[in-house]
């Protein structure tokens, strides 16, 4: 920016140079303060990020331990499922035998009820 009344073609006076240098120094000082402020905020942010990363590491370690325990538990769970399948199979066979044993009784009951009902009808009851 040119000041009013000062031509560009002429050499600057010592005072103009000092004013220009002083203004540049003030601008640099403001810029340094701004950078300082940004770096201070960035430092706090990095500390928080470091803390969060530490917490994440601990969480991932616990998660990994949990997954390892599940992996160790899986074969035992498979064995339990196999045993339960065997038990269910035996219970199904027992129910089948029970149904087969009860079927003649149910048929007999139906015949007896039919006979009793026939007798009741003939006797007038």
C-alpha atoms as a PDB file:
ATOM      1  CA  UNK A   1       0.000   0.000   0.000  1.00  0.00           C
ATOM      2  CA  UNK A   2       1.264   3.384  -0.845  1.00  0.00           C
ATOM      3  CA  UNK A   3       0.842   6.195   1.608  1.00  0.00           C
ATOM      4  CA  UNK A   4      -0.791   9.401   0.425  1.00  0.00           C
ATOM      5  CA  UNK A   5       1.636  11.941  -0.835  1.00  0.00           C
ATOM      6  CA  UNK A   6       4.589   9.545  -1.153  1.00  0.00           C
ATOM      7  CA  UNK A   7       5.633   8.630  -4.640  1.00  0.00           C
ATOM      8  CA  UNK A   8       6.692   5.099  -5.475  1.00  0.00           C
ATOM      9  CA  UNK A   9       9.516   6.138  -7.676  1.00  0.00           C
ATOM     10  CA  UNK A  10      11.418   7.966  -4.952  1.00  0.00           C
ATOM     11  CA  UNK A  11      13.641   6.320  -2.387  1.00  0.00           C
ATOM     12  CA  UNK A  12      12.108   5.710   0.991  1.00  0.00           C
ATOM     13  CA  UNK A  13      13.253   7.726   3.887  1.00  0.00           C
ATOM     14  CA  UNK A  14      14.800   6.116   6.932  1.00  0.00           C
ATOM     15  CA  UNK A  15      11.654   6.760   8.918  1.00  0.00           C
ATOM     16  CA  UNK A  16       9.473   5.000   6.324  1.00  0.00           C
ATOM     17  CA  UNK A  17      11.772   1.999   6.365  1.00  0.00           C
ATOM     18  CA  UNK A  18      11.683   1.816  10.146  1.00  0.00           C
ATOM     19  CA  UNK A  19       7.886   2.112  10.164  1.00  0.00           C
ATOM     20  CA  UNK A  20       7.632  -0.624   7.524  1.00  0.00           C
ATOM     21  CA  UNK A  21      10.018  -2.886   9.445  1.00  0.00           C
ATOM     22  CA  UNK A  22       8.199  -2.185  12.725  1.00  0.00           C
ATOM     23  CA  UNK A  23       4.870  -3.053  11.096  1.00  0.00           C
ATOM     24  CA  UNK A  24       6.376  -6.250   9.656  1.00  0.00           C
ATOM     25  CA  UNK A  25       7.743  -7.136  13.094  1.00  0.00           C
ATOM     26  CA  UNK A  26       4.329  -6.549  14.684  1.00  0.00           C
ATOM     27  CA  UNK A  27       2.675  -8.687  12.004  1.00  0.00           C
ATOM     28  CA  UNK A  28       5.249 -11.438  12.572  1.00  0.00           C
ATOM     29  CA  UNK A  29       4.690 -11.195  16.328  1.00  0.00           C
ATOM     30  CA  UNK A  30       0.918 -11.585  15.867  1.00  0.00           C
ATOM     31  CA  UNK A  31       1.503 -14.512  13.514  1.00  0.00           C
ATOM     32  CA  UNK A  32       3.843 -16.177  16.024  1.00  0.00           C
ATOM     33  CA  UNK A  33       1.238 -15.712  18.778  1.00  0.00           C
ATOM     34  CA  UNK A  34      -1.417 -17.271  16.544  1.00  0.00           C
ATOM     35  CA  UNK A  35       0.856 -20.213  15.722  1.00  0.00           C
ATOM     36  CA  UNK A  36       1.686 -20.549  19.430  1.00  0.00           C
ATOM     37  CA  UNK A  37      -2.016 -20.640  20.279  1.00  0.00           C
ATOM     38  CA  UNK A  38      -2.697 -23.226  17.577  1.00  0.00           C
ATOM     39  CA  UNK A  39       0.218 -25.374  18.747  1.00  0.00           C
ATOM     40  CA  UNK A  40      -0.980 -25.198  22.363  1.00  0.00           C
ATOM     41  CA  UNK A  41      -4.441 -26.373  21.292  1.00  0.00           C
ATOM     42  CA  UNK A  42      -2.888 -29.045  19.109  1.00  0.00           C
ATOM     43  CA  UNK A  43      -0.754 -30.204  22.026  1.00  0.00           C
ATOM     44  CA  UNK A  44      -3.852 -30.639  24.206  1.00  0.00           C
ATOM     45  CA  UNK A  45      -5.612 -32.448  21.379  1.00  0.00           C
ATOM     46  CA  UNK A  46      -2.658 -34.799  20.905  1.00  0.00           C
ATOM     47  CA  UNK A  47      -2.560 -35.530  24.637  1.00  0.00           C
ATOM     48  CA  UNK A  48      -6.272 -36.376  24.561  1.00  0.00           C
ATOM     49  CA  UNK A  49      -5.734 -38.517  21.469  1.00  0.00           C
ATOM     50  CA  UNK A  50      -2.860 -40.308  23.183  1.00  0.00           C
ATOM     51  CA  UNK A  51      -5.083 -40.992  26.210  1.00  0.00           C
ATOM     52  CA  UNK A  52      -7.905 -42.213  23.962  1.00  0.00           C
ATOM     53  CA  UNK A  53      -5.509 -44.440  22.044  1.00  0.00           C
ATOM     54  CA  UNK A  54      -4.296 -45.928  25.319  1.00  0.00           C
ATOM     55  CA  UNK A  55      -7.883 -46.653  26.335  1.00  0.00           C
ATOM     56  CA  UNK A  56      -8.560 -48.164  22.918  1.00  0.00           C
ATOM     57  CA  UNK A  57      -5.491 -50.380  23.265  1.00  0.00           C
ATOM     58  CA  UNK A  58      -6.712 -51.625  26.652  1.00  0.00           C
ATOM     59  CA  UNK A  59     -10.193 -52.247  25.253  1.00  0.00           C
ATOM     60  CA  UNK A  60      -8.806 -54.141  22.263  1.00  0.00           C
ATOM     61  CA  UNK A  61      -6.656 -56.242  24.587  1.00  0.00           C
ATOM     62  CA  UNK A  62      -9.728 -57.162  26.678  1.00  0.00           C
ATOM     63  CA  UNK A  63     -11.655 -57.890  23.476  1.00  0.00           C
ATOM     64  CA  UNK A  64      -8.831 -60.129  22.265  1.00  0.00           C
ATOM     65  CA  UNK A  65      -8.822 -61.970  25.611  1.00  0.00           C
ATOM     66  CA  UNK A  66     -12.589 -62.444  25.357  1.00  0.00           C
ATOM     67  CA  UNK A  67     -12.307 -63.797  21.806  1.00  0.00           C
ATOM     68  CA  UNK A  68      -9.566 -66.187  22.963  1.00  0.00           C
ATOM     69  CA  UNK A  69     -11.788 -67.437  25.790  1.00  0.00           C
ATOM     70  CA  UNK A  70     -14.646 -67.950  23.338  1.00  0.00           C
ATOM     71  CA  UNK A  71     -12.308 -69.865  21.038  1.00  0.00           C
ATOM     72  CA  UNK A  72     -11.288 -72.092  23.950  1.00  0.00           C
ATOM     73  CA  UNK A  73     -14.917 -72.564  24.944  1.00  0.00           C
ATOM     74  CA  UNK A  74     -16.157 -73.525  21.465  1.00  0.00           C
ATOM     75  CA  UNK A  75     -14.949 -77.172  21.502  1.00  0.00           C
ATOM     76  CA  UNK A  76     -16.531 -77.731  24.913  1.00  0.00           C
ATOM     77  CA  UNK A  77     -19.789 -76.203  23.695  1.00  0.00           C
ATOM     78  CA  UNK A  78     -19.697 -78.507  20.677  1.00  0.00           C
ATOM     79  CA  UNK A  79     -19.285 -81.486  23.010  1.00  0.00           C
ATOM     80  CA  UNK A  80     -22.261 -80.311  25.101  1.00  0.00           C
ATOM     81  CA  UNK A  81     -24.366 -79.905  21.953  1.00  0.00           C
ATOM     82  CA  UNK A  82     -23.405 -83.417  20.832  1.00  0.00           C
ATOM     83  CA  UNK A  83     -24.422 -84.847  24.219  1.00  0.00           C
ATOM     84  CA  UNK A  84     -27.711 -82.925  24.156  1.00  0.00           C
ATOM     85  CA  UNK A  85     -28.434 -84.217  20.654  1.00  0.00           C
ATOM     86  CA  UNK A  86     -27.894 -87.759  21.954  1.00  0.00           C
ATOM     87  CA  UNK A  87     -30.268 -87.111  24.869  1.00  0.00           C
ATOM     88  CA  UNK A  88     -32.911 -85.642  22.555  1.00  0.00           C
ATOM     89  CA  UNK A  89     -32.579 -88.639  20.260  1.00  0.00           C
ATOM     90  CA  UNK A  90     -33.111 -91.044  23.167  1.00  0.00           C
ATOM     91  CA  UNK A  91     -36.104 -89.031  24.446  1.00  0.00           C
ATOM     92  CA  UNK A  92     -37.624 -89.080  20.957  1.00  0.00           C
ATOM     93  CA  UNK A  93     -37.255 -92.879  20.863  1.00  0.00           C
ATOM     94  CA  UNK A  94     -38.850 -93.147  24.324  1.00  0.00           C
ATOM     95  CA  UNK A  95     -41.759 -90.940  23.223  1.00  0.00           C
ATOM     96  CA  UNK A  96     -42.158 -93.070  20.105  1.00  0.00           C
ATOM     97  CA  UNK A  97     -42.255 -96.237  22.231  1.00  0.00           C
ATOM     98  CA  UNK A  98     -44.723 -94.584  24.630  1.00  0.00           C
ATOM     99  CA  UNK A  99     -46.975 -93.556  21.755  1.00  0.00           C
ATOM    100  CA  UNK A 100     -46.788 -97.059  20.308  1.00  0.00           C
ATOM    101  CA  UNK A 101     -47.680 -98.529  23.725  1.00  0.00           C
ATOM    102  CA  UNK A 102     -50.579 -96.126  24.256  1.00  0.00           C
ATOM    103  CA  UNK A 103     -52.068 -96.534  20.762  1.00  0.00           C
ATOM    104  CA  UNK A 104     -53.693 -99.935  21.521  1.00  0.00           C
ATOM    105  CA  UNK A 105     -55.001 -98.568  24.826  1.00  0.00           C
ATOM    106  CA  UNK A 106     -56.530 -95.598  23.037  1.00  0.00           C
ATOM    107  CA  UNK A 107     -58.110 -97.921  20.483  1.00  0.00           C
ATOM    108  CA  UNK A 108     -59.422-100.153  23.287  1.00  0.00           C
ATOM    109  CA  UNK A 109     -60.799 -97.117  25.112  1.00  0.00           C
ATOM    110  CA  UNK A 110     -62.596 -96.013  21.969  1.00  0.00           C
ATOM    111  CA  UNK A 111     -64.114 -99.470  21.483  1.00  0.00           C
ATOM    112  CA  UNK A 112     -65.184 -99.693  25.152  1.00  0.00           C
ATOM    113  CA  UNK A 113     -66.743 -96.204  25.057  1.00  0.00           C
ATOM    114  CA  UNK A 114     -68.561 -97.130  21.866  1.00  0.00           C
ATOM    115  CA  UNK A 115     -69.888-100.314  23.486  1.00  0.00           C
ATOM    116  CA  UNK A 116     -70.989 -98.452  26.629  1.00  0.00           C
ATOM    117  CA  UNK A 117     -72.739 -95.830  24.535  1.00  0.00           C
ATOM    118  CA  UNK A 118     -74.480 -98.564  22.531  1.00  0.00           C
ATOM    119  CA  UNK A 119     -75.663-100.239  25.740  1.00  0.00           C
ATOM    120  CA  UNK A 120     -76.930 -96.917  27.078  1.00  0.00           C
ATOM    121  CA  UNK A 121     -78.883 -96.265  23.918  1.00  0.00           C
ATOM    122  CA  UNK A 122     -80.508 -99.669  23.990  1.00  0.00           C
ATOM    123  CA  UNK A 123     -81.447 -99.414  27.656  1.00  0.00           C
ATOM    124  CA  UNK A 124     -82.950 -96.007  27.135  1.00  0.00           C
ATOM    125  CA  UNK A 125     -80.688 -93.934  29.197  1.00  0.00           C
END
